[in-house]
């Protein structure tokens, strides 16, 4: 007999409305023990609301939230075995780092020896021992974020919840903290749910990503699965930096099935399922585009602008019909504005989406 592990967290047909305005539309999700899950999506997509529902800071309008198999809709936030780290740190400014770490445990009447052990273990783990007697106002942004994370760890929760915890940090410190949180997950092994609008954070940290739009789940999967096999145009455009290029075109089925782009280029394709003549949007990632300065290629483009970053070059081009393409090259290339280039891309790098439903049309490579 096969035994299936009980998910740490399960959402069943979760809906949430604020007054007459629905914001979460029937979300179903299972999160296994020890997973690092990232909710990602544009502002207003419902990712923070969904996290607050899990935390018990908001009540669902309908549906069930289960933790370790038990329904917790009516369980207070403080009794769900969760710890939350906020964007604003939410530290007590008049308390030392030591008290910020221990205050919540003191309120549970935990023995002082256990509180002290947990506090010292966490301080050592996060390398903040020398900060214990300082107050938050005496700390840098990165140090305050470590303390906020430490306050969550000392509770030894079932699930950690992170609500855009790195948004207030500069780019270099965000990169450092991404690594530290990922290492923390590897060390602790707890389930972590992390909300961000930054798809780079999602790609680099997650075991699985949940892509949200307008309160609905667009796709759930491993980072590279979403990158390589997006379910629809929205996911394709959201995951990846620089973002995927899109060109308008049509599938024609008179004789051999053809992909005909509005810019004038056409090629044979092999859809997995039979297609009728229809409008499509063709996606090509910037790094998949091949560039020639010798006049050999499929499509002529003009260089509008470019960025030379040393190890990589970004070229912003325009086609004859006005459509724009971003090209990424893993090398330095001599360029001039208004220069003409020829570009091409292999069939196995092309993503095709229906113009009507924006769903992916699977192709046989």
Foldseek 3Di string as FASTA:
>chain_A
DDDDAAFQKWWAQFWAADVPRTQAGGDTDGHHWLFEEEEAEDPSLCPVVVLCCQLQVDATPDTFMDGSRHTCNPPHSVPQQEFEQEQVLPFDQVDFLQCSQQVVVVVVVDDPVLSVVLSVVLCVLLVNVVRRGPGPVVDDLLSSLSSSVSSRVSSVGQEYEYEANCPVDDPVSSVVVLVSVLVVSVVSSHHYYYYDNDLVSVLPRGCKYFYGGSNYTQDIDHLVCLQQPPFFPVSQQSHDPVGWFKFKFKFDDPPFTKTATPLGFMDGFAFPDDDHIAIKIKTFHQAQKDKDLPPDAGFKWFFQDKDCPAQKIWTWTAGPVGGIDIHIDRHDDDDDGRRMMHMYGDPSRMWMAGPVPRGTGHTDD
